[in-house]
Every structure is written in structure tokens, then in C-alpha cells.
PDB file of N, CA and C in Angstrom:
ATOM      1  N   MET A   1       0.839  -1.171   0.000  1.00  0.00           N
ATOM      2  CA  MET A   1       0.000   0.000   0.000  1.00  0.00           C
ATOM      3  C   MET A   1       0.887   1.237   0.000  1.00  0.00           C
ATOM      4  N   SER A   2       0.348   2.290  -0.588  1.00  0.00           N
ATOM      5  CA  SER A   2       1.115   3.530  -0.642  1.00  0.00           C
ATOM      6  C   SER A   2       0.174   4.709  -0.823  1.00  0.00           C
ATOM      7  N   PHE A   3       0.736   5.882  -0.548  1.00  0.00           N
ATOM      8  CA  PHE A   3       0.059   7.155  -0.781  1.00  0.00           C
ATOM      9  C   PHE A   3       0.609   7.720  -2.085  1.00  0.00           C
ATOM     10  N   GLU A   4      -0.169   8.579  -2.723  1.00  0.00           N
ATOM     11  CA  GLU A   4       0.334   9.226  -3.929  1.00  0.00           C
ATOM     12  C   GLU A   4      -0.260  10.617  -4.091  1.00  0.00           C
ATOM     13  N   VAL A   5       0.496  11.455  -4.781  1.00  0.00           N
ATOM     14  CA  VAL A   5       0.040  12.769  -5.214  1.00  0.00           C
ATOM     15  C   VAL A   5       0.528  12.962  -6.641  1.00  0.00           C
ATOM     16  N   GLY A   6      -0.105  13.884  -7.352  1.00  0.00           N
ATOM     17  CA  GLY A   6       0.315  14.098  -8.725  1.00  0.00           C
ATOM     18  C   GLY A   6      -0.057  15.460  -9.248  1.00  0.00           C
ATOM     19  N   VAL A   7       0.564  15.796 -10.356  1.00  0.00           N
ATOM     20  CA  VAL A   7       0.272  17.027 -11.077  1.00  0.00           C
ATOM     21  C   VAL A   7       0.205  16.703 -12.568  1.00  0.00           C
ATOM     22  N   VAL A   8      -0.472  17.566 -13.295  1.00  0.00           N
ATOM     23  CA  VAL A   8      -0.643  17.404 -14.736  1.00  0.00           C
ATOM     24  C   VAL A   8      -0.268  18.717 -15.401  1.00  0.00           C
ATOM     25  N   GLY A   9       0.347  18.618 -16.557  1.00  0.00           N
ATOM     26  CA  GLY A   9       0.680  19.803 -17.335  1.00  0.00           C
ATOM     27  C   GLY A   9       0.558  19.497 -18.813  1.00  0.00           C
ATOM     28  N   THR A  10       0.744  20.510 -19.615  1.00  0.00           N
ATOM     29  CA  THR A  10       0.726  20.346 -21.066  1.00  0.00           C
ATOM     30  C   THR A  10       1.911  21.083 -21.666  1.00  0.00           C
ATOM     31  N   VAL A  11       2.322  20.611 -22.827  1.00  0.00           N
ATOM     32  CA  VAL A  11       3.403  21.265 -23.555  1.00  0.00           C
ATOM     33  C   VAL A  11       3.227  20.968 -25.042  1.00  0.00           C
ATOM     34  N   ARG A  12       3.501  21.968 -25.850  1.00  0.00           N
ATOM     35  CA  ARG A  12       3.504  21.770 -27.304  1.00  0.00           C
ATOM     36  C   ARG A  12       4.959  21.689 -27.732  1.00  0.00           C
ATOM     37  N   ALA A  13       5.278  20.578 -28.379  1.00  0.00           N
ATOM     38  CA  ALA A  13       6.642  20.356 -28.839  1.00  0.00           C
ATOM     39  C   ALA A  13       6.590  19.468 -30.080  1.00  0.00           C
ATOM     40  N   SER A  14       7.706  19.400 -30.777  1.00  0.00           N
ATOM     41  CA  SER A  14       7.775  18.655 -32.033  1.00  0.00           C
ATOM     42  C   SER A  14       8.737  17.484 -31.931  1.00  0.00           C
ATOM     43  N   HIS A  15       8.511  16.506 -32.788  1.00  0.00           N
ATOM     44  CA  HIS A  15       9.440  15.392 -32.895  1.00  0.00           C
ATOM     45  C   HIS A  15       9.335  14.797 -34.288  1.00  0.00           C
ATOM     46  N   VAL A  16      10.259  13.895 -34.592  1.00  0.00           N
ATOM     47  CA  VAL A  16      10.267  13.194 -35.871  1.00  0.00           C
ATOM     48  C   VAL A  16      10.700  11.757 -35.604  1.00  0.00           C
ATOM     49  N   MET A  17      10.169  10.849 -36.408  1.00  0.00           N
ATOM     50  CA  MET A  17      10.556   9.442 -36.354  1.00  0.00           C
ATOM     51  C   MET A  17      11.160   9.115 -37.724  1.00  0.00           C
ATOM     52  N   PRO A  18      12.462   9.288 -37.880  1.00  0.00           N
ATOM     53  CA  PRO A  18      13.086   9.104 -39.197  1.00  0.00           C
ATOM     54  C   PRO A  18      12.750   7.746 -39.817  1.00  0.00           C
ATOM     55  N   GLY A  19      12.449   7.777 -41.119  1.00  0.00           N
ATOM     56  CA  GLY A  19      12.169   6.555 -41.847  1.00  0.00           C
ATOM     57  C   GLY A  19      10.741   6.046 -41.723  1.00  0.00           C
ATOM     58  N   ARG A  20       9.922   6.726 -40.933  1.00  0.00           N
ATOM     59  CA  ARG A  20       8.520   6.316 -40.780  1.00  0.00           C
ATOM     60  C   ARG A  20       7.658   7.045 -41.803  1.00  0.00           C
ATOM     61  N   PRO A  21       6.470   6.488 -42.098  1.00  0.00           N
ATOM     62  CA  PRO A  21       5.561   7.197 -43.004  1.00  0.00           C
ATOM     63  C   PRO A  21       5.091   8.521 -42.400  1.00  0.00           C
ATOM     64  N   LEU A  22       4.620   9.408 -43.257  1.00  0.00           N
ATOM     65  CA  LEU A  22       4.111  10.701 -42.794  1.00  0.00           C
ATOM     66  C   LEU A  22       2.850  10.499 -41.973  1.00  0.00           C
ATOM     67  N   PRO A  23       2.582  11.296 -40.992  1.00  0.00           N
ATOM     68  CA  PRO A  23       3.333  12.494 -40.603  1.00  0.00           C
ATOM     69  C   PRO A  23       4.511  12.198 -39.687  1.00  0.00           C
ATOM     70  N   GLU A  24       4.617  10.970 -39.161  1.00  0.00           N
ATOM     71  CA  GLU A  24       5.674  10.664 -38.195  1.00  0.00           C
ATOM     72  C   GLU A  24       7.073  10.832 -38.778  1.00  0.00           C
ATOM     73  N   GLY A  25       7.225  10.652 -40.096  1.00  0.00           N
ATOM     74  CA  GLY A  25       8.530  10.705 -40.730  1.00  0.00           C
ATOM     75  C   GLY A  25       9.103  12.086 -40.912  1.00  0.00           C
ATOM     76  N   GLU A  26       8.321  13.126 -40.653  1.00  0.00           N
ATOM     77  CA  GLU A  26       8.875  14.475 -40.709  1.00  0.00           C
ATOM     78  C   GLU A  26       8.505  15.223 -39.432  1.00  0.00           C
ATOM     79  N   LEU A  27       9.217  16.295 -39.191  1.00  0.00           N
ATOM     80  CA  LEU A  27       9.003  17.058 -37.968  1.00  0.00           C
ATOM     81  C   LEU A  27       7.554  17.529 -37.879  1.00  0.00           C
ATOM     82  N   HIS A  28       6.911  17.212 -36.763  1.00  0.00           N
ATOM     83  CA  HIS A  28       5.516  17.603 -36.546  1.00  0.00           C
ATOM     84  C   HIS A  28       5.300  17.811 -35.049  1.00  0.00           C
ATOM     85  N   ALA A  29       4.293  18.574 -34.709  1.00  0.00           N
ATOM     86  CA  ALA A  29       4.053  18.956 -33.317  1.00  0.00           C
ATOM     87  C   ALA A  29       2.910  18.150 -32.706  1.00  0.00           C
ATOM     88  N   HIS A  30       2.989  18.035 -31.388  1.00  0.00           N
ATOM     89  CA  HIS A  30       1.918  17.451 -30.582  1.00  0.00           C
ATOM     90  C   HIS A  30       1.657  18.377 -29.403  1.00  0.00           C
ATOM     91  N   ASP A  31       0.451  18.370 -28.925  1.00  0.00           N
ATOM     92  CA  ASP A  31       0.115  18.985 -27.649  1.00  0.00           C
ATOM     93  C   ASP A  31       0.115  17.850 -26.636  1.00  0.00           C
ATOM     94  N   TYR A  32       1.234  17.684 -25.960  1.00  0.00           N
ATOM     95  CA  TYR A  32       1.410  16.577 -25.025  1.00  0.00           C
ATOM     96  C   TYR A  32       0.761  16.898 -23.680  1.00  0.00           C
ATOM     97  N   ARG A  33       0.144  15.896 -23.090  1.00  0.00           N
ATOM     98  CA  ARG A  33      -0.350  15.979 -21.716  1.00  0.00           C
ATOM     99  C   ARG A  33       0.648  15.197 -20.860  1.00  0.00           C
ATOM    100  N   LEU A  34       1.142  15.836 -19.819  1.00  0.00           N
ATOM    101  CA  LEU A  34       2.151  15.234 -18.955  1.00  0.00           C
ATOM    102  C   LEU A  34       1.550  14.966 -17.583  1.00  0.00           C
ATOM    103  N   GLU A  35       1.629  13.739 -17.137  1.00  0.00           N
ATOM    104  CA  GLU A  35       1.135  13.364 -15.809  1.00  0.00           C
ATOM    105  C   GLU A  35       2.305  12.865 -14.981  1.00  0.00           C
ATOM    106  N   VAL A  36       2.422  13.386 -13.785  1.00  0.00           N
ATOM    107  CA  VAL A  36       3.478  12.969 -12.868  1.00  0.00           C
ATOM    108  C   VAL A  36       2.834  12.565 -11.550  1.00  0.00           C
ATOM    109  N   VAL A  37       3.146  11.362 -11.090  1.00  0.00           N
ATOM    110  CA  VAL A  37       2.631  10.855  -9.821  1.00  0.00           C
ATOM    111  C   VAL A  37       3.809  10.447  -8.951  1.00  0.00           C
ATOM    112  N   ILE A  38       3.778  10.901  -7.705  1.00  0.00           N
ATOM    113  CA  ILE A  38       4.783  10.507  -6.717  1.00  0.00           C
ATOM    114  C   ILE A  38       4.106   9.571  -5.734  1.00  0.00           C
ATOM    115  N   GLU A  39       4.733   8.429  -5.519  1.00  0.00           N
ATOM    116  CA  GLU A  39       4.187   7.396  -4.647  1.00  0.00           C
ATOM    117  C   GLU A  39       5.167   7.140  -3.501  1.00  0.00           C
ATOM    118  N   ARG A  40       4.594   6.926  -2.314  1.00  0.00           N
ATOM    119  CA  ARG A  40       5.430   6.706  -1.129  1.00  0.00           C
ATOM    120  C   ARG A  40       4.624   5.914  -0.102  1.00  0.00           C
ATOM    121  N   ALA A  41       5.262   4.961   0.547  1.00  0.00           N
ATOM    122  CA  ALA A  41       4.567   4.119   1.525  1.00  0.00           C
ATOM    123  C   ALA A  41       4.168   4.892   2.780  1.00  0.00           C
ATOM    124  N   GLU A  42       4.988   5.834   3.189  1.00  0.00           N
ATOM    125  CA  GLU A  42       4.743   6.595   4.419  1.00  0.00           C
ATOM    126  C   GLU A  42       4.702   8.090   4.123  1.00  0.00           C
ATOM    127  N   LEU A  43       3.868   8.794   4.855  1.00  0.00           N
ATOM    128  CA  LEU A  43       3.814  10.251   4.736  1.00  0.00           C
ATOM    129  C   LEU A  43       4.942  10.877   5.538  1.00  0.00           C
ATOM    130  N   ASP A  44       5.309  12.095   5.170  1.00  0.00           N
ATOM    131  CA  ASP A  44       6.346  12.797   5.926  1.00  0.00           C
ATOM    132  C   ASP A  44       5.759  13.371   7.215  1.00  0.00           C
ATOM    133  N   GLY A  45       6.550  14.083   7.966  1.00  0.00           N
ATOM    134  CA  GLY A  45       6.126  14.646   9.245  1.00  0.00           C
ATOM    135  C   GLY A  45       4.996  15.655   9.139  1.00  0.00           C
ATOM    136  N   GLU A  46       4.782  16.191   7.928  1.00  0.00           N
ATOM    137  CA  GLU A  46       3.688  17.141   7.701  1.00  0.00           C
ATOM    138  C   GLU A  46       2.453  16.462   7.108  1.00  0.00           C
ATOM    139  N   GLY A  47       2.502  15.131   6.998  1.00  0.00           N
ATOM    140  CA  GLY A  47       1.368  14.399   6.455  1.00  0.00           C
ATOM    141  C   GLY A  47       1.273  14.416   4.947  1.00  0.00           C
ATOM    142  N   MET A  48       2.419  14.588   4.263  1.00  0.00           N
ATOM    143  CA  MET A  48       2.426  14.664   2.799  1.00  0.00           C
ATOM    144  C   MET A  48       3.347  13.613   2.204  1.00  0.00           C
ATOM    145  N   VAL A  49       3.055  13.246   0.962  1.00  0.00           N
ATOM    146  CA  VAL A  49       3.980  12.443   0.162  1.00  0.00           C
ATOM    147  C   VAL A  49       5.132  13.347  -0.254  1.00  0.00           C
ATOM    148  N   VAL A  50       4.785  14.454  -0.856  1.00  0.00           N
ATOM    149  CA  VAL A  50       5.704  15.515  -1.240  1.00  0.00           C
ATOM    150  C   VAL A  50       4.864  16.783  -1.351  1.00  0.00           C
ATOM    151  N   ASP A  51       5.449  17.897  -1.083  1.00  0.00           N
ATOM    152  CA  ASP A  51       4.746  19.165  -1.209  1.00  0.00           C
ATOM    153  C   ASP A  51       4.346  19.360  -2.677  1.00  0.00           C
ATOM    154  N   LEU A  52       3.066  19.562  -2.926  1.00  0.00           N
ATOM    155  CA  LEU A  52       2.590  19.742  -4.301  1.00  0.00           C
ATOM    156  C   LEU A  52       3.220  20.944  -4.983  1.00  0.00           C
ATOM    157  N   ASP A  53       3.577  21.972  -4.234  1.00  0.00           N
ATOM    158  CA  ASP A  53       4.235  23.136  -4.834  1.00  0.00           C
ATOM    159  C   ASP A  53       5.606  22.752  -5.383  1.00  0.00           C
ATOM    160  N   VAL A  54       6.324  21.883  -4.685  1.00  0.00           N
ATOM    161  CA  VAL A  54       7.629  21.405  -5.154  1.00  0.00           C
ATOM    162  C   VAL A  54       7.448  20.596  -6.434  1.00  0.00           C
ATOM    163  N   LEU A  55       6.457  19.734  -6.437  1.00  0.00           N
ATOM    164  CA  LEU A  55       6.192  18.908  -7.605  1.00  0.00           C
ATOM    165  C   LEU A  55       5.752  19.754  -8.799  1.00  0.00           C
ATOM    166  N   ARG A  56       4.867  20.709  -8.576  1.00  0.00           N
ATOM    167  CA  ARG A  56       4.411  21.601  -9.647  1.00  0.00           C
ATOM    168  C   ARG A  56       5.587  22.401 -10.210  1.00  0.00           C
ATOM    169  N   HIS A  57       6.443  22.901  -9.342  1.00  0.00           N
ATOM    170  CA  HIS A  57       7.606  23.670  -9.783  1.00  0.00           C
ATOM    171  C   HIS A  57       8.529  22.807 -10.657  1.00  0.00           C
ATOM    172  N   ALA A  58       8.714  21.558 -10.263  1.00  0.00           N
ATOM    173  CA  ALA A  58       9.568  20.656 -11.047  1.00  0.00           C
ATOM    174  C   ALA A  58       8.971  20.410 -12.431  1.00  0.00           C
ATOM    175  N   LEU A  59       7.672  20.168 -12.496  1.00  0.00           N
ATOM    176  CA  LEU A  59       7.039  19.945 -13.793  1.00  0.00           C
ATOM    177  C   LEU A  59       7.072  21.213 -14.638  1.00  0.00           C
ATOM    178  N   ASP A  60       6.771  22.351 -14.038  1.00  0.00           N
ATOM    179  CA  ASP A  60       6.807  23.616 -14.779  1.00  0.00           C
ATOM    180  C   ASP A  60       8.201  23.896 -15.329  1.00  0.00           C
ATOM    181  N   GLY A  61       9.230  23.567 -14.574  1.00  0.00           N
ATOM    182  CA  GLY A  61      10.604  23.756 -15.041  1.00  0.00           C
ATOM    183  C   GLY A  61      10.926  22.884 -16.242  1.00  0.00           C
ATOM    184  N   ALA A  62      10.477  21.638 -16.197  1.00  0.00           N
ATOM    185  CA  ALA A  62      10.698  20.734 -17.328  1.00  0.00           C
ATOM    186  C   ALA A  62       9.949  21.233 -18.567  1.00  0.00           C
ATOM    187  N   VAL A  63       8.711  21.666 -18.374  1.00  0.00           N
ATOM    188  CA  VAL A  63       7.918  22.194 -19.492  1.00  0.00           C
ATOM    189  C   VAL A  63       8.611  23.411 -20.107  1.00  0.00           C
ATOM    190  N   ALA A  64       9.128  24.288 -19.284  1.00  0.00           N
ATOM    191  CA  ALA A  64       9.806  25.489 -19.789  1.00  0.00           C
ATOM    192  C   ALA A  64      11.020  25.125 -20.651  1.00  0.00           C
ATOM    193  N   GLU A  65      11.684  24.013 -20.333  1.00  0.00           N
ATOM    194  CA  GLU A  65      12.850  23.572 -21.106  1.00  0.00           C
ATOM    195  C   GLU A  65      12.483  23.150 -22.526  1.00  0.00           C
ATOM    196  N   ILE A  66      11.265  22.654 -22.714  1.00  0.00           N
ATOM    197  CA  ILE A  66      10.926  22.032 -23.992  1.00  0.00           C
ATOM    198  C   ILE A  66       9.777  22.697 -24.744  1.00  0.00           C
ATOM    199  N   GLU A  67       9.140  23.694 -24.162  1.00  0.00           N
ATOM    200  CA  GLU A  67       8.004  24.348 -24.820  1.00  0.00           C
ATOM    201  C   GLU A  67       8.410  24.843 -26.204  1.00  0.00           C
ATOM    202  N   GLY A  68       7.699  24.370 -27.228  1.00  0.00           N
ATOM    203  CA  GLY A  68       7.942  24.797 -28.602  1.00  0.00           C
ATOM    204  C   GLY A  68       9.190  24.220 -29.246  1.00  0.00           C
ATOM    205  N   ALA A  69       9.876  23.343 -28.560  1.00  0.00           N
ATOM    206  CA  ALA A  69      11.160  22.834 -29.034  1.00  0.00           C
ATOM    207  C   ALA A  69      11.011  21.607 -29.928  1.00  0.00           C
ATOM    208  N   ASP A  70      12.058  21.332 -30.659  1.00  0.00           N
ATOM    209  CA  ASP A  70      12.239  20.049 -31.336  1.00  0.00           C
ATOM    210  C   ASP A  70      12.788  19.109 -30.270  1.00  0.00           C
ATOM    211  N   LEU A  71      12.007  18.140 -29.867  1.00  0.00           N
ATOM    212  CA  LEU A  71      12.412  17.263 -28.772  1.00  0.00           C
ATOM    213  C   LEU A  71      13.681  16.479 -29.085  1.00  0.00           C
ATOM    214  N   GLY A  72      13.866  16.116 -30.329  1.00  0.00           N
ATOM    215  CA  GLY A  72      15.082  15.409 -30.703  1.00  0.00           C
ATOM    216  C   GLY A  72      16.323  16.221 -30.389  1.00  0.00           C
ATOM    217  N   GLU A  73      16.283  17.502 -30.740  1.00  0.00           N
ATOM    218  CA  GLU A  73      17.414  18.382 -30.451  1.00  0.00           C
ATOM    219  C   GLU A  73      17.553  18.630 -28.955  1.00  0.00           C
ATOM    220  N   ARG A  74      16.469  18.931 -28.290  1.00  0.00           N
ATOM    221  CA  ARG A  74      16.516  19.303 -26.884  1.00  0.00           C
ATOM    222  C   ARG A  74      16.894  18.126 -25.978  1.00  0.00           C
ATOM    223  N   LEU A  75      16.381  16.922 -26.302  1.00  0.00           N
ATOM    224  CA  LEU A  75      16.654  15.752 -25.476  1.00  0.00           C
ATOM    225  C   LEU A  75      17.890  14.988 -25.939  1.00  0.00           C
ATOM    226  N   GLY A  76      18.390  15.329 -27.130  1.00  0.00           N
ATOM    227  CA  GLY A  76      19.565  14.641 -27.652  1.00  0.00           C
ATOM    228  C   GLY A  76      19.271  13.215 -28.088  1.00  0.00           C
ATOM    229  N   ILE A  77      18.067  12.988 -28.616  1.00  0.00           N
ATOM    230  CA  ILE A  77      17.629  11.655 -29.046  1.00  0.00           C
ATOM    231  C   ILE A  77      17.145  11.758 -30.483  1.00  0.00           C
ATOM    232  N   ASP A  78      17.592  10.840 -31.364  1.00  0.00           N
ATOM    233  CA  ASP A  78      17.156  10.884 -32.758  1.00  0.00           C
ATOM    234  C   ASP A  78      15.679  10.554 -32.917  1.00  0.00           C
ATOM    235  N   GLU A  79      15.217   9.485 -32.282  1.00  0.00           N
ATOM    236  CA  GLU A  79      13.813   9.087 -32.373  1.00  0.00           C
ATOM    237  C   GLU A  79      13.159   9.288 -31.018  1.00  0.00           C
ATOM    238  N   VAL A  80      12.400  10.350 -30.896  1.00  0.00           N
ATOM    239  CA  VAL A  80      11.723  10.647 -29.634  1.00  0.00           C
ATOM    240  C   VAL A  80      10.368   9.955 -29.630  1.00  0.00           C
ATOM    241  N   THR A  81      10.282   8.891 -28.855  1.00  0.00           N
ATOM    242  CA  THR A  81       9.009   8.214 -28.637  1.00  0.00           C
ATOM    243  C   THR A  81       8.415   8.733 -27.329  1.00  0.00           C
ATOM    244  N   VAL A  82       7.143   8.452 -27.096  1.00  0.00           N
ATOM    245  CA  VAL A  82       6.554   8.886 -25.828  1.00  0.00           C
ATOM    246  C   VAL A  82       7.219   8.178 -24.655  1.00  0.00           C
ATOM    247  N   GLU A  83       7.705   6.956 -24.872  1.00  0.00           N
ATOM    248  CA  GLU A  83       8.410   6.242 -23.807  1.00  0.00           C
ATOM    249  C   GLU A  83       9.724   6.934 -23.449  1.00  0.00           C
ATOM    250  N   ARG A  84      10.484   7.316 -24.462  1.00  0.00           N
ATOM    251  CA  ARG A  84      11.752   8.013 -24.204  1.00  0.00           C
ATOM    252  C   ARG A  84      11.514   9.393 -23.600  1.00  0.00           C
ATOM    253  N   PHE A  85      10.492  10.066 -24.080  1.00  0.00           N
ATOM    254  CA  PHE A  85      10.125  11.369 -23.528  1.00  0.00           C
ATOM    255  C   PHE A  85       9.759  11.200 -22.050  1.00  0.00           C
ATOM    256  N   ALA A  86       8.992  10.176 -21.724  1.00  0.00           N
ATOM    257  CA  ALA A  86       8.620   9.923 -20.329  1.00  0.00           C
ATOM    258  C   ALA A  86       9.853   9.640 -19.474  1.00  0.00           C
ATOM    259  N   GLY A  87      10.814   8.907 -20.014  1.00  0.00           N
ATOM    260  CA  GLY A  87      12.056   8.641 -19.283  1.00  0.00           C
ATOM    261  C   GLY A  87      12.830   9.918 -18.996  1.00  0.00           C
ATOM    262  N   TRP A  88      12.885  10.815 -19.982  1.00  0.00           N
ATOM    263  CA  TRP A  88      13.552  12.106 -19.781  1.00  0.00           C
ATOM    264  C   TRP A  88      12.845  12.906 -18.693  1.00  0.00           C
ATOM    265  N   LEU A  89      11.519  12.967 -18.772  1.00  0.00           N
ATOM    266  CA  LEU A  89      10.751  13.727 -17.786  1.00  0.00           C
ATOM    267  C   LEU A  89      10.918  13.128 -16.393  1.00  0.00           C
ATOM    268  N   HIS A  90      10.942  11.815 -16.301  1.00  0.00           N
ATOM    269  CA  HIS A  90      11.176  11.144 -15.023  1.00  0.00           C
ATOM    270  C   HIS A  90      12.480  11.644 -14.404  1.00  0.00           C
ATOM    271  N   GLY A  91      13.526  11.740 -15.199  1.00  0.00           N
ATOM    272  CA  GLY A  91      14.812  12.214 -14.689  1.00  0.00           C
ATOM    273  C   GLY A  91      14.736  13.621 -14.127  1.00  0.00           C
ATOM    274  N   ARG A  92      13.993  14.503 -14.790  1.00  0.00           N
ATOM    275  CA  ARG A  92      13.839  15.875 -14.305  1.00  0.00           C
ATOM    276  C   ARG A  92      13.075  15.913 -12.982  1.00  0.00           C
ATOM    277  N   ILE A  93      12.007  15.131 -12.885  1.00  0.00           N
ATOM    278  CA  ILE A  93      11.195  15.117 -11.670  1.00  0.00           C
ATOM    279  C   ILE A  93      11.959  14.429 -10.541  1.00  0.00           C
ATOM    280  N   ALA A  94      12.606  13.326 -10.842  1.00  0.00           N
ATOM    281  CA  ALA A  94      13.366  12.602  -9.818  1.00  0.00           C
ATOM    282  C   ALA A  94      14.447  13.486  -9.209  1.00  0.00           C
ATOM    283  N   GLY A  95      15.056  14.329 -10.021  1.00  0.00           N
ATOM    284  CA  GLY A  95      16.064  15.247  -9.508  1.00  0.00           C
ATOM    285  C   GLY A  95      15.500  16.218  -8.488  1.00  0.00           C
ATOM    286  N   ALA A  96      14.240  16.581  -8.652  1.00  0.00           N
ATOM    287  CA  ALA A  96      13.603  17.547  -7.747  1.00  0.00           C
ATOM    288  C   ALA A  96      13.150  16.915  -6.441  1.00  0.00           C
ATOM    289  N   VAL A  97      12.837  15.623  -6.456  1.00  0.00           N
ATOM    290  CA  VAL A  97      12.324  14.964  -5.245  1.00  0.00           C
ATOM    291  C   VAL A  97      13.279  13.891  -4.728  1.00  0.00           C
ATOM    292  N   GLY A  98      14.487  13.860  -5.256  1.00  0.00           N
ATOM    293  CA  GLY A  98      15.448  12.815  -4.942  1.00  0.00           C
ATOM    294  C   GLY A  98      15.890  12.733  -3.498  1.00  0.00           C
ATOM    295  N   GLY A  99      15.667  13.776  -2.720  1.00  0.00           N
ATOM    296  CA  GLY A  99      16.083  13.745  -1.323  1.00  0.00           C
ATOM    297  C   GLY A  99      15.102  13.047  -0.404  1.00  0.00           C
ATOM    298  N   LEU A 100      13.998  12.561  -0.935  1.00  0.00           N
ATOM    299  CA  LEU A 100      12.980  11.904  -0.124  1.00  0.00           C
ATOM    300  C   LEU A 100      13.193  10.399  -0.118  1.00  0.00           C
ATOM    301  N   ASP A 101      12.952   9.773   1.018  1.00  0.00           N
ATOM    302  CA  ASP A 101      13.113   8.328   1.140  1.00  0.00           C
ATOM    303  C   ASP A 101      11.902   7.588   0.603  1.00  0.00           C
ATOM    304  N   GLY A 102      12.133   6.457  -0.064  1.00  0.00           N
ATOM    305  CA  GLY A 102      11.076   5.555  -0.470  1.00  0.00           C
ATOM    306  C   GLY A 102      10.105   6.099  -1.496  1.00  0.00           C
ATOM    307  N   VAL A 103      10.587   6.936  -2.396  1.00  0.00           N
ATOM    308  CA  VAL A 103       9.723   7.578  -3.387  1.00  0.00           C
ATOM    309  C   VAL A 103       9.836   6.863  -4.735  1.00  0.00           C
ATOM    310  N   THR A 104       8.685   6.635  -5.355  1.00  0.00           N
ATOM    311  CA  THR A 104       8.636   6.166  -6.742  1.00  0.00           C
ATOM    312  C   THR A 104       7.989   7.274  -7.575  1.00  0.00           C
ATOM    313  N   VAL A 105       8.595   7.563  -8.703  1.00  0.00           N
ATOM    314  CA  VAL A 105       8.061   8.561  -9.632  1.00  0.00           C
ATOM    315  C   VAL A 105       7.485   7.819 -10.836  1.00  0.00           C
ATOM    316  N   ARG A 106       6.229   8.148 -11.158  1.00  0.00           N
ATOM    317  CA  ARG A 106       5.548   7.581 -12.323  1.00  0.00           C
ATOM    318  C   ARG A 106       5.193   8.730 -13.269  1.00  0.00           C
ATOM    319  N   VAL A 107       5.519   8.551 -14.530  1.00  0.00           N
ATOM    320  CA  VAL A 107       5.267   9.585 -15.530  1.00  0.00           C
ATOM    321  C   VAL A 107       4.500   8.969 -16.699  1.00  0.00           C
ATOM    322  N   ARG A 108       3.527   9.694 -17.183  1.00  0.00           N
ATOM    323  CA  ARG A 108       2.845   9.349 -18.426  1.00  0.00           C
ATOM    324  C   ARG A 108       2.880  10.554 -19.338  1.00  0.00           C
ATOM    325  N   VAL A 109       3.225  10.303 -20.595  1.00  0.00           N
ATOM    326  CA  VAL A 109       3.217  11.333 -21.630  1.00  0.00           C
ATOM    327  C   VAL A 109       2.163  10.926 -22.651  1.00  0.00           C
ATOM    328  N   TRP A 110       1.119  11.730 -22.727  1.00  0.00           N
ATOM    329  CA  TRP A 110       0.016  11.478 -23.654  1.00  0.00           C
ATOM    330  C   TRP A 110       0.271  12.239 -24.942  1.00  0.00           C
ATOM    331  N   GLU A 111       0.373  11.508 -26.059  1.00  0.00           N
ATOM    332  CA  GLU A 111       0.559  12.114 -27.368  1.00  0.00           C
ATOM    333  C   GLU A 111      -0.788  12.437 -28.017  1.00  0.00           C
ATOM    334  N   ALA A 112      -1.810  11.728 -27.602  1.00  0.00           N
ATOM    335  CA  ALA A 112      -3.176  11.901 -28.090  1.00  0.00           C
ATOM    336  C   ALA A 112      -4.111  11.525 -26.945  1.00  0.00           C
ATOM    337  N   PRO A 113      -5.385  11.869 -27.027  1.00  0.00           N
ATOM    338  CA  PRO A 113      -6.299  11.547 -25.935  1.00  0.00           C
ATOM    339  C   PRO A 113      -6.387  10.064 -25.599  1.00  0.00           C
ATOM    340  N   ASP A 114      -5.997   9.209 -26.552  1.00  0.00           N
ATOM    341  CA  ASP A 114      -6.111   7.772 -26.325  1.00  0.00           C
ATOM    342  C   ASP A 114      -4.785   7.026 -26.469  1.00  0.00           C
ATOM    343  N   ALA A 115      -3.656   7.743 -26.364  1.00  0.00           N
ATOM    344  CA  ALA A 115      -2.357   7.098 -26.559  1.00  0.00           C
ATOM    345  C   ALA A 115      -1.290   7.742 -25.685  1.00  0.00           C
ATOM    346  N   PHE A 116      -0.610   6.917 -24.883  1.00  0.00           N
ATOM    347  CA  PHE A 116       0.436   7.438 -24.010  1.00  0.00           C
ATOM    348  C   PHE A 116       1.575   6.443 -23.896  1.00  0.00           C
ATOM    349  N   GLY A 117       2.695   6.948 -23.391  1.00  0.00           N
ATOM    350  CA  GLY A 117       3.825   6.124 -22.998  1.00  0.00           C
ATOM    351  C   GLY A 117       4.194   6.535 -21.594  1.00  0.00           C
ATOM    352  N   GLY A 118       4.827   5.641 -20.864  1.00  0.00           N
ATOM    353  CA  GLY A 118       5.146   5.956 -19.477  1.00  0.00           C
ATOM    354  C   GLY A 118       6.468   5.398 -19.027  1.00  0.00           C
ATOM    355  N   TYR A 119       6.849   5.847 -17.851  1.00  0.00           N
ATOM    356  CA  TYR A 119       8.071   5.368 -17.198  1.00  0.00           C
ATOM    357  C   TYR A 119       7.875   5.510 -15.695  1.00  0.00           C
ATOM    358  N   ALA A 120       8.251   4.477 -14.959  1.00  0.00           N
ATOM    359  CA  ALA A 120       8.151   4.509 -13.500  1.00  0.00           C
ATOM    360  C   ALA A 120       9.379   3.834 -12.908  1.00  0.00           C
ATOM    361  N   ALA A 121       9.910   4.445 -11.852  1.00  0.00           N
ATOM    362  CA  ALA A 121      11.054   3.867 -11.171  1.00  0.00           C
ATOM    363  C   ALA A 121      11.214   4.528  -9.813  1.00  0.00           C
ATOM    364  N   PRO A 122      11.759   3.789  -8.859  1.00  0.00           N
ATOM    365  CA  PRO A 122      12.064   4.417  -7.568  1.00  0.00           C
ATOM    366  C   PRO A 122      13.175   5.441  -7.722  1.00  0.00           C
ATOM    367  N   VAL A 123      13.167   6.408  -6.848  1.00  0.00           N
ATOM    368  CA  VAL A 123      14.217   7.418  -6.813  1.00  0.00           C
ATOM    369  C   VAL A 123      15.200   6.992  -5.737  1.00  0.00           C
ATOM    370  N   ARG A 124      16.452   6.975  -6.082  1.00  0.00           N
ATOM    371  CA  ARG A 124      17.487   6.547  -5.121  1.00  0.00           C
ATOM    372  C   ARG A 124      18.274   7.726  -4.641  1.00  0.00           C
TER     373      ARG A 124
END
């Protein structure tokens, strides 16, 4: 059993999947929905998993890095899939909450209302 809190954001950014049919084969934009959930077995001394303001600030910072960007250039990845994007976002969020014990960060990146990729891992 565990407690969890989360935040959601959006970002418009572009990517390309080289060698794929259009539109994926050329640079095109998506309005991504970003979901971040922090999970922890025990609450802290203030009764929280993590302060939501800290989590919101971390997500807003990541969004600011990539808003309007070519994700391939910004993330340094040739083929930006939603899974790889989620892994990158996980790293940004984990860096912000890494000082907490027993925390798992779960990220979902929605490319469309019915399609997402995700990444989840404990923070060490």
C-alpha cells in the first residue's frame, strides 16, 4: 500500500521518427499531456507524500525547457518516442524529489487523448 500525489501539465513540442511514413517521418508537433505521480509508503512529518508546490515547480521547469522545441534536439535523441520522452521527464522530476526516502516517480506522456507512454522507477 502507498500514498500518492500528482500534477498534470501540457506542452507543445515537435518530434520526428526518421524513416517512418508521414506524418511521423517528418518534424511535426503534438500537444502533449504530462502526468506525474509521486508514490510513497509513508507520509512525511507534515502528512504529505511531497509538497505539491515542489512537484508543480519541477514539472513547470521541465515544461519550460521544452516548450515549442524540437524534442530530438533538446533531449539529444534521434527518435523521440513517448516512452523516451517519459524517461527524460522522469529524470527531471526525480532530480527535484530525490532527497525523499522511499519515493517512486511515475510519468505518463500522452501524445493523443487515447495514446500514451510511461516510465516509473524508484528514486534513489
